[in-house]
């Protein structure tokens, strides 16, 4: 398999088979982080669409598309496409624009890659699932965090026999929520909806479905602390650390197994503390443990002009696009970022909109 399977990247011009794709959306995020991934993916960009016709034309020229449109329905009708990429915004009432566009794309018979959030409700996810099955076309959401090399390494480590059973975890991510009364208005929880896909996708990728959770909320910054238990038995804490300094790293992840633990700092630094006996208390003169039990440590190198130190690689953008493209070309549903994951994330989102602080909710019995 090309792409990330071998650890080596294939450039766009080296692929023999490519997907004919259209891109819906011409904003700053897609310009910085999504269109550039096509340099390394089996993609033939056929058309670009944006409500701003002039912007669509500029993006088409910049990224090598043949045509541009201001109406995505016209693009779907006129172009012969294998898939569409959707990176759009929100409706005035807080709904996700991409949800309705994805429905139209599925009805037109094309596969869909869409930036998170997939939708604003579990009902909308169920509708997309039904359309996806009927059309026999795949839908994948851009949940980049689970394609971080660091998070993929954690997944590999915690599922290795020497780690034992994953038992507990801690995850920090800066996210805010308004007071409970305001959460009924979808427009007031746009930040929550926009960002919850990041930590929640990691949790689903590593541990599966949440069984139940409870939380406490603070009114100063709108931060919160969640106590979470998974169907798999893993238990842990999620800290939505709203109010941290702008100079602070955003994230921290730690998973504890049986005599081992692994930590990710700032999304890129991975430390694996392997099984080791503590030095004898009151007697040991050195903090060093035997080499065969010493911690393992990984951090990117930022001096050379390598692919691995480009942000679209260590932030998982290229990898998620490759996963989608290769899945479609091989005729299989994406393993990561599918609608099943979005459903579980939206269950958590809906519970946080209605659950009072200090109470518990069961998401999966």
Protein backbone atom coordinates (compact mmCIF):
# COMPACT_ATOMS: atom_id res chain seq x y z
CA UNK A 1 0.00 0.00 0.00
CA UNK A 2 1.21 3.48 -0.82
CA UNK A 3 1.13 6.38 1.62
CA UNK A 4 1.83 5.85 5.30
CA UNK A 5 1.59 2.06 5.42
CA UNK A 6 5.30 1.63 4.71
CA UNK A 7 6.35 4.77 6.54
CA UNK A 8 7.34 6.32 3.19
CA UNK A 9 5.31 8.88 1.28
CA UNK A 10 4.37 8.73 -2.39
CA UNK A 11 4.14 12.07 -4.20
CA UNK A 12 0.98 12.91 -6.13
CA UNK A 13 2.63 12.67 -9.56
CA UNK A 14 3.90 9.16 -8.78
CA UNK A 15 0.45 7.55 -8.33
CA UNK A 16 -0.87 5.49 -11.21
CA UNK A 17 -4.48 5.59 -9.95
CA UNK A 18 -6.12 8.75 -8.63
CA UNK A 19 -9.52 9.83 -7.41
CA UNK A 20 -11.32 12.55 -9.33
CA UNK A 21 -12.41 14.94 -6.60
CA UNK A 22 -14.20 18.20 -6.13
CA UNK A 23 -13.51 20.51 -3.21
CA UNK A 24 -16.32 22.46 -1.56
CA UNK A 25 -14.97 25.36 0.47
CA UNK A 26 -12.27 27.96 -0.07
CA UNK A 27 -11.41 29.30 3.36
CA UNK A 28 -8.23 29.91 5.31
CA UNK A 29 -8.14 26.55 7.11
CA UNK A 30 -8.50 24.55 3.92
CA UNK A 31 -5.87 26.72 2.17
CA UNK A 32 -3.31 26.10 4.94
CA UNK A 33 -4.01 22.52 5.90
CA UNK A 34 -6.14 20.50 3.48
CA UNK A 35 -5.50 21.51 -0.14
CA UNK A 36 -1.70 21.15 0.42
CA UNK A 37 -2.16 17.48 1.42
CA UNK A 38 -3.04 16.68 -2.18
CA UNK A 39 0.66 16.93 -3.03
CA UNK A 40 1.02 13.55 -1.31
CA UNK A 41 -2.30 11.85 -2.08
CA UNK A 42 -3.78 10.00 -5.07
CA UNK A 43 -6.00 12.94 -5.99
CA UNK A 44 -6.87 14.67 -9.26
CA UNK A 45 -8.48 17.93 -8.21
CA UNK A 46 -11.12 18.52 -10.89
CA UNK A 47 -13.15 21.41 -9.49
CA UNK A 48 -13.36 23.89 -6.61
CA UNK A 49 -16.59 25.34 -5.29
CA UNK A 50 -17.23 28.26 -2.94
CA UNK A 51 -20.11 30.69 -2.47
CA UNK A 52 -17.55 33.37 -3.29
CA UNK A 53 -17.11 32.74 -7.01
CA UNK A 54 -13.95 34.80 -7.32
CA UNK A 55 -12.35 32.97 -4.36
CA UNK A 56 -13.24 29.61 -5.92
CA UNK A 57 -11.55 30.66 -9.17
CA UNK A 58 -8.41 31.77 -7.32
CA UNK A 59 -8.20 28.46 -5.43
CA UNK A 60 -8.79 26.47 -8.62
CA UNK A 61 -5.87 28.23 -10.29
CA UNK A 62 -3.66 27.95 -7.20
CA UNK A 63 -4.20 24.22 -6.69
CA UNK A 64 -4.55 23.09 -10.30
CA UNK A 65 -8.27 22.42 -10.63
CA UNK A 66 -9.80 22.54 -14.09
CA UNK A 67 -12.98 24.44 -13.17
CA UNK A 68 -14.61 26.47 -10.40
CA UNK A 69 -18.20 26.87 -9.23
CA UNK A 70 -20.24 28.94 -6.80
CA UNK A 71 -23.00 26.30 -6.43
CA UNK A 72 -21.97 22.84 -5.23
CA UNK A 73 -25.15 21.29 -6.67
CA UNK A 74 -24.13 22.49 -10.12
CA UNK A 75 -20.68 21.02 -9.60
CA UNK A 76 -22.12 17.66 -8.51
CA UNK A 77 -24.43 17.66 -11.53
CA UNK A 78 -21.88 18.63 -14.18
CA UNK A 79 -18.71 16.90 -13.01
CA UNK A 80 -17.86 13.20 -12.98
CA UNK A 81 -16.39 12.79 -9.50
CA UNK A 82 -15.34 9.92 -7.28
CA UNK A 83 -15.38 11.98 -4.09
CA UNK A 84 -15.78 15.42 -2.61
CA UNK A 85 -13.90 17.20 0.15
CA UNK A 86 -16.04 19.55 2.25
CA UNK A 87 -14.57 22.28 4.45
CA UNK A 88 -17.27 24.80 5.24
CA UNK A 89 -18.68 26.73 8.22
CA UNK A 90 -21.90 27.00 10.25
CA UNK A 91 -25.43 28.10 9.45
CA UNK A 92 -26.77 31.18 11.28
CA UNK A 93 -28.73 28.89 13.64
CA UNK A 94 -25.61 26.90 14.58
CA UNK A 95 -26.14 23.87 12.37
CA UNK A 96 -23.19 22.46 10.42
CA UNK A 97 -23.25 23.44 6.74
CA UNK A 98 -21.30 20.36 5.69
CA UNK A 99 -23.98 17.97 6.93
CA UNK A 100 -26.53 18.97 4.30
CA UNK A 101 -23.83 19.13 1.61
CA UNK A 102 -22.72 15.60 2.50
CA UNK A 103 -26.29 14.36 2.13
CA UNK A 104 -26.48 15.86 -1.37
CA UNK A 105 -23.12 14.36 -2.30
CA UNK A 106 -24.17 10.89 -1.20
CA UNK A 107 -27.38 11.19 -3.21
CA UNK A 108 -25.20 12.15 -6.18
CA UNK A 109 -23.24 8.93 -5.71
CA UNK A 110 -19.87 10.26 -4.53
CA UNK A 111 -17.78 9.49 -1.48
CA UNK A 112 -17.40 12.19 1.15
CA UNK A 113 -14.50 13.49 3.22
CA UNK A 114 -15.68 16.28 5.47
CA UNK A 115 -13.92 18.40 8.07
CA UNK A 116 -15.18 18.05 11.60
CA UNK A 117 -17.77 18.44 13.01
CA UNK A 118 -19.76 15.93 11.01
CA UNK A 119 -23.09 17.21 12.31
CA UNK A 120 -24.75 18.79 15.33
CA UNK A 121 -26.88 15.84 16.44
CA UNK A 122 -26.99 12.05 16.58
CA UNK A 123 -30.16 12.18 14.48
CA UNK A 124 -28.24 13.77 11.62
CA UNK A 125 -25.51 11.14 11.95
CA UNK A 126 -28.13 8.39 11.71
CA UNK A 127 -29.46 10.00 8.52
CA UNK A 128 -25.97 10.09 7.01
CA UNK A 129 -25.45 6.44 7.97
CA UNK A 130 -28.63 5.44 6.17
CA UNK A 131 -27.72 7.43 3.06
CA UNK A 132 -24.19 6.03 3.08
CA UNK A 133 -25.50 2.47 3.18
CA UNK A 134 -28.09 3.14 0.47
CA UNK A 135 -25.59 4.83 -1.84
CA UNK A 136 -22.80 2.37 -1.01
CA UNK A 137 -20.51 5.36 -0.57
CA UNK A 138 -18.24 6.15 2.36
CA UNK A 139 -18.21 9.16 4.66
CA UNK A 140 -15.12 10.06 6.64
CA UNK A 141 -14.66 12.98 9.02
CA UNK A 142 -11.34 14.78 9.36
CA UNK A 143 -10.42 13.83 12.92
CA UNK A 144 -6.75 14.67 12.61
CA UNK A 145 -5.81 13.91 16.23
CA UNK A 146 -6.09 10.16 15.73
CA UNK A 147 -3.63 10.45 12.85
CA UNK A 148 -1.00 12.25 14.91
CA UNK A 149 2.09 9.99 14.77
CA UNK A 150 2.26 10.44 18.56
CA UNK A 151 -1.30 9.24 19.16
CA UNK A 152 -0.88 6.36 16.71
CA UNK A 153 2.22 5.37 18.71
CA UNK A 154 0.20 5.42 21.93
CA UNK A 155 -2.39 3.17 20.30
CA UNK A 156 0.36 0.76 19.26
CA UNK A 157 1.96 0.75 22.73
CA UNK A 158 -1.20 0.27 24.79
CA UNK A 159 -2.33 -2.65 22.64
CA UNK A 160 1.01 -4.47 22.91
CA UNK A 161 1.16 -7.45 25.32
CA UNK A 162 3.97 -5.97 27.43
CA UNK A 163 1.83 -2.92 28.32
CA UNK A 164 -0.86 -5.07 29.89
CA UNK A 165 -4.46 -3.92 29.94
CA UNK A 166 -5.05 -0.18 29.56
CA UNK A 167 -6.47 0.75 32.96
CA UNK A 168 -6.68 4.52 33.39
CA UNK A 169 -5.91 7.75 31.56
CA UNK A 170 -5.71 11.52 31.77
CA UNK A 171 -6.44 13.82 28.84
CA UNK A 172 -6.17 17.62 28.84
CA UNK A 173 -7.61 19.83 26.13
CA UNK A 174 -8.62 23.53 26.41
CA UNK A 175 -12.34 23.76 25.74
CA UNK A 176 -15.07 25.95 27.15
CA UNK A 177 -18.80 25.57 27.77
CA UNK A 178 -21.32 28.24 28.76
CA UNK A 179 -23.67 27.76 31.70
CA UNK A 180 -26.22 24.98 31.27
CA UNK A 181 -29.16 27.24 30.41
CA UNK A 182 -27.36 28.73 27.40
CA UNK A 183 -26.37 25.34 25.99
CA UNK A 184 -29.87 24.78 24.65
CA UNK A 185 -29.10 27.35 21.96
CA UNK A 186 -26.91 25.63 19.39
CA UNK A 187 -25.23 28.93 18.57
CA UNK A 188 -23.98 29.19 22.16
CA UNK A 189 -22.17 25.84 21.99
CA UNK A 190 -20.48 26.31 18.62
CA UNK A 191 -17.06 26.28 20.29
CA UNK A 192 -17.93 23.05 22.11
CA UNK A 193 -19.19 21.39 18.93
CA UNK A 194 -16.26 22.61 16.88
CA UNK A 195 -13.62 21.32 19.30
CA UNK A 196 -15.08 18.29 21.08
CA UNK A 197 -14.23 16.13 18.07
CA UNK A 198 -10.54 16.51 18.94
CA UNK A 199 -10.35 14.96 22.43
CA UNK A 200 -13.36 12.71 21.94
CA UNK A 201 -11.94 11.17 18.75
CA UNK A 202 -8.74 10.29 20.64
CA UNK A 203 -10.73 8.64 23.41
CA UNK A 204 -12.81 6.59 20.97
CA UNK A 205 -9.73 5.56 19.00
CA UNK A 206 -7.85 4.42 22.10
CA UNK A 207 -10.60 3.00 24.33
CA UNK A 208 -13.82 2.56 22.35
CA UNK A 209 -17.28 3.58 23.52
CA UNK A 210 -17.96 5.59 26.67
CA UNK A 211 -20.20 3.77 29.11
CA UNK A 212 -20.90 6.68 31.47
CA UNK A 213 -19.50 9.99 32.65
CA UNK A 214 -20.09 12.82 35.08
CA UNK A 215 -18.56 16.29 35.25
CA UNK A 216 -18.06 19.47 37.23
CA UNK A 217 -18.09 22.92 35.62
CA UNK A 218 -16.41 26.16 36.67
CA UNK A 219 -17.87 29.60 35.81
CA UNK A 220 -14.62 31.60 35.57
CA UNK A 221 -13.50 30.29 32.16
CA UNK A 222 -16.19 27.73 31.42
CA UNK A 223 -13.76 24.85 31.96
CA UNK A 224 -14.75 21.45 33.30
CA UNK A 225 -13.47 18.14 34.60
CA UNK A 226 -15.00 14.86 33.48
CA UNK A 227 -14.82 11.45 35.14
CA UNK A 228 -15.25 8.88 32.39
CA UNK A 229 -15.63 5.11 32.27
CA UNK A 230 -15.55 3.13 29.06
CA UNK A 231 -17.38 -0.06 28.11
CA UNK A 232 -13.93 -1.66 27.94
CA UNK A 233 -13.44 -0.92 31.66
CA UNK A 234 -10.87 1.88 31.27
CA UNK A 235 -11.50 4.81 33.63
CA UNK A 236 -9.99 8.26 33.69
CA UNK A 237 -10.22 12.02 33.72
CA UNK A 238 -10.72 14.59 30.98
CA UNK A 239 -9.73 18.17 31.82
CA UNK A 240 -11.29 20.80 29.56
CA UNK A 241 -8.69 23.39 30.54
CA UNK A 242 -10.38 26.59 29.34
CA UNK A 243 -8.44 29.70 30.32
CA UNK A 244 -4.89 28.48 29.86
CA UNK A 245 -2.29 30.94 28.56
CA UNK A 246 -1.93 31.45 24.84
CA UNK A 247 1.73 30.51 25.19
CA UNK A 248 0.89 27.14 26.78
CA UNK A 249 0.89 23.81 24.96
CA UNK A 250 -2.72 22.75 24.49
CA UNK A 251 -2.69 19.05 25.18
CA UNK A 252 -1.45 16.28 27.42
CA UNK A 253 -2.31 12.59 27.26
CA UNK A 254 -1.30 9.80 29.62
CA UNK A 255 -2.40 6.17 29.60
CA UNK A 256 -1.56 3.75 32.41
CA UNK A 257 -1.38 0.00 31.93
CA UNK A 258 -0.03 -2.76 34.18
CA UNK A 259 3.32 -1.48 35.37
CA UNK A 260 3.71 0.81 32.35
CA UNK A 261 2.54 4.22 31.24
CA UNK A 262 2.89 6.34 28.13
CA UNK A 263 2.70 10.14 27.92
CA UNK A 264 2.25 12.57 25.01
CA UNK A 265 3.14 16.21 25.62
CA UNK A 266 2.26 19.02 23.22
CA UNK A 267 1.06 16.54 20.59
CA UNK A 268 4.57 15.49 19.52
CA UNK A 269 6.69 14.37 22.49
CA UNK A 270 6.14 10.72 23.40
CA UNK A 271 7.60 9.05 26.48
CA UNK A 272 7.02 5.36 27.16
CA UNK A 273 7.78 4.32 30.73
CA UNK A 274 8.39 0.61 30.47
CA UNK A 275 8.15 -1.88 33.32
CA UNK A 276 10.91 -1.18 35.80
CA UNK A 277 11.45 -1.72 39.52
CA UNK A 278 11.83 1.42 41.60
CA UNK A 279 15.34 1.91 43.02
CA UNK A 280 15.55 0.61 46.58
CA UNK A 281 14.06 3.22 48.91
CA UNK A 282 16.63 4.69 51.26
CA UNK A 283 19.48 2.73 49.66
CA UNK A 284 19.72 3.51 45.96
CA UNK A 285 22.39 6.07 45.04
CA UNK A 286 21.33 6.46 41.38
CA UNK A 287 18.05 7.25 39.67
CA UNK A 288 19.11 5.28 36.58
CA UNK A 289 17.38 2.01 35.85
CA UNK A 290 18.80 -0.80 33.67
CA UNK A 291 18.94 0.06 29.98
CA UNK A 292 16.51 -2.71 29.04
CA UNK A 293 13.85 -1.12 31.29
CA UNK A 294 14.67 2.54 30.68
CA UNK A 295 12.00 4.88 29.30
CA UNK A 296 11.77 5.31 25.54
CA UNK A 297 11.45 8.86 24.20
CA UNK A 298 10.51 10.26 20.78
CA UNK A 299 10.51 13.87 19.58
CA UNK A 300 10.56 15.33 16.04
CA UNK A 301 13.65 16.83 14.49
CA UNK A 302 13.04 20.35 13.21
CA UNK A 303 16.31 21.24 11.48
CA UNK A 304 16.08 19.35 8.18
CA UNK A 305 13.48 20.00 5.49
CA UNK A 306 11.79 16.69 6.11
CA UNK A 307 8.17 15.75 5.46
CA UNK A 308 7.87 14.50 9.03
CA UNK A 309 8.47 17.96 10.50
CA UNK A 310 5.87 19.71 8.35
CA UNK A 311 2.79 20.50 10.40
CA UNK A 312 0.49 18.77 7.88
CA UNK A 313 2.33 15.54 8.77
CA UNK A 314 2.86 15.72 12.53
CA UNK A 315 -0.69 17.10 12.87
CA UNK A 316 -2.06 14.21 10.83
CA UNK A 317 -3.61 16.09 7.90
CA UNK A 318 -1.82 14.17 5.17
CA UNK A 319 -2.36 10.86 6.92
CA UNK A 320 -6.12 11.33 7.27
CA UNK A 321 -6.51 12.33 3.61
CA UNK A 322 -4.40 9.34 2.56
CA UNK A 323 -6.50 7.02 4.70
CA UNK A 324 -9.66 8.23 2.98
CA UNK A 325 -8.25 8.11 -0.54
CA UNK A 326 -6.67 4.69 -0.17
CA UNK A 327 -9.85 3.30 1.41
CA UNK A 328 -11.97 4.50 -1.51
CA UNK A 329 -9.50 3.21 -4.11
CA UNK A 330 -9.41 -0.18 -2.39
CA UNK A 331 -13.21 -0.36 -2.04
CA UNK A 332 -13.29 -0.56 1.76
CA UNK A 333 -14.77 1.66 4.41
CA UNK A 334 -12.31 3.88 6.29
CA UNK A 335 -11.27 2.24 9.55
CA UNK A 336 -10.70 5.59 11.29
CA UNK A 337 -12.90 8.68 11.23
CA UNK A 338 -16.07 6.87 10.15
CA UNK A 339 -19.65 7.72 11.02
CA UNK A 340 -19.65 5.25 13.92
CA UNK A 341 -17.00 7.36 15.65
CA UNK A 342 -18.93 10.57 14.93
CA UNK A 343 -22.04 9.01 16.46
CA UNK A 344 -20.22 8.34 19.74
CA UNK A 345 -18.75 11.85 19.79
CA UNK A 346 -22.18 13.41 19.23
CA UNK A 347 -23.61 11.32 22.08
CA UNK A 348 -21.12 13.03 24.39
CA UNK A 349 -21.89 16.45 22.91
CA UNK A 350 -25.64 16.03 23.36
CA UNK A 351 -25.21 14.84 26.95
CA UNK A 352 -23.05 17.87 27.81
CA UNK A 353 -25.77 20.16 26.45
CA UNK A 354 -28.42 18.79 28.82
CA UNK A 355 -26.68 17.19 31.82
CA UNK A 356 -26.40 19.37 34.96
CA UNK A 357 -22.95 19.50 36.62
CA UNK A 358 -22.52 16.84 39.29
CA UNK A 359 -24.82 14.36 37.58
CA UNK A 360 -23.97 11.21 35.65
CA UNK A 361 -25.09 10.13 32.18
CA UNK A 362 -25.04 6.67 30.62
CA UNK A 363 -24.10 6.78 26.93
CA UNK A 364 -23.79 3.04 26.27
CA UNK A 365 -25.31 0.52 28.68
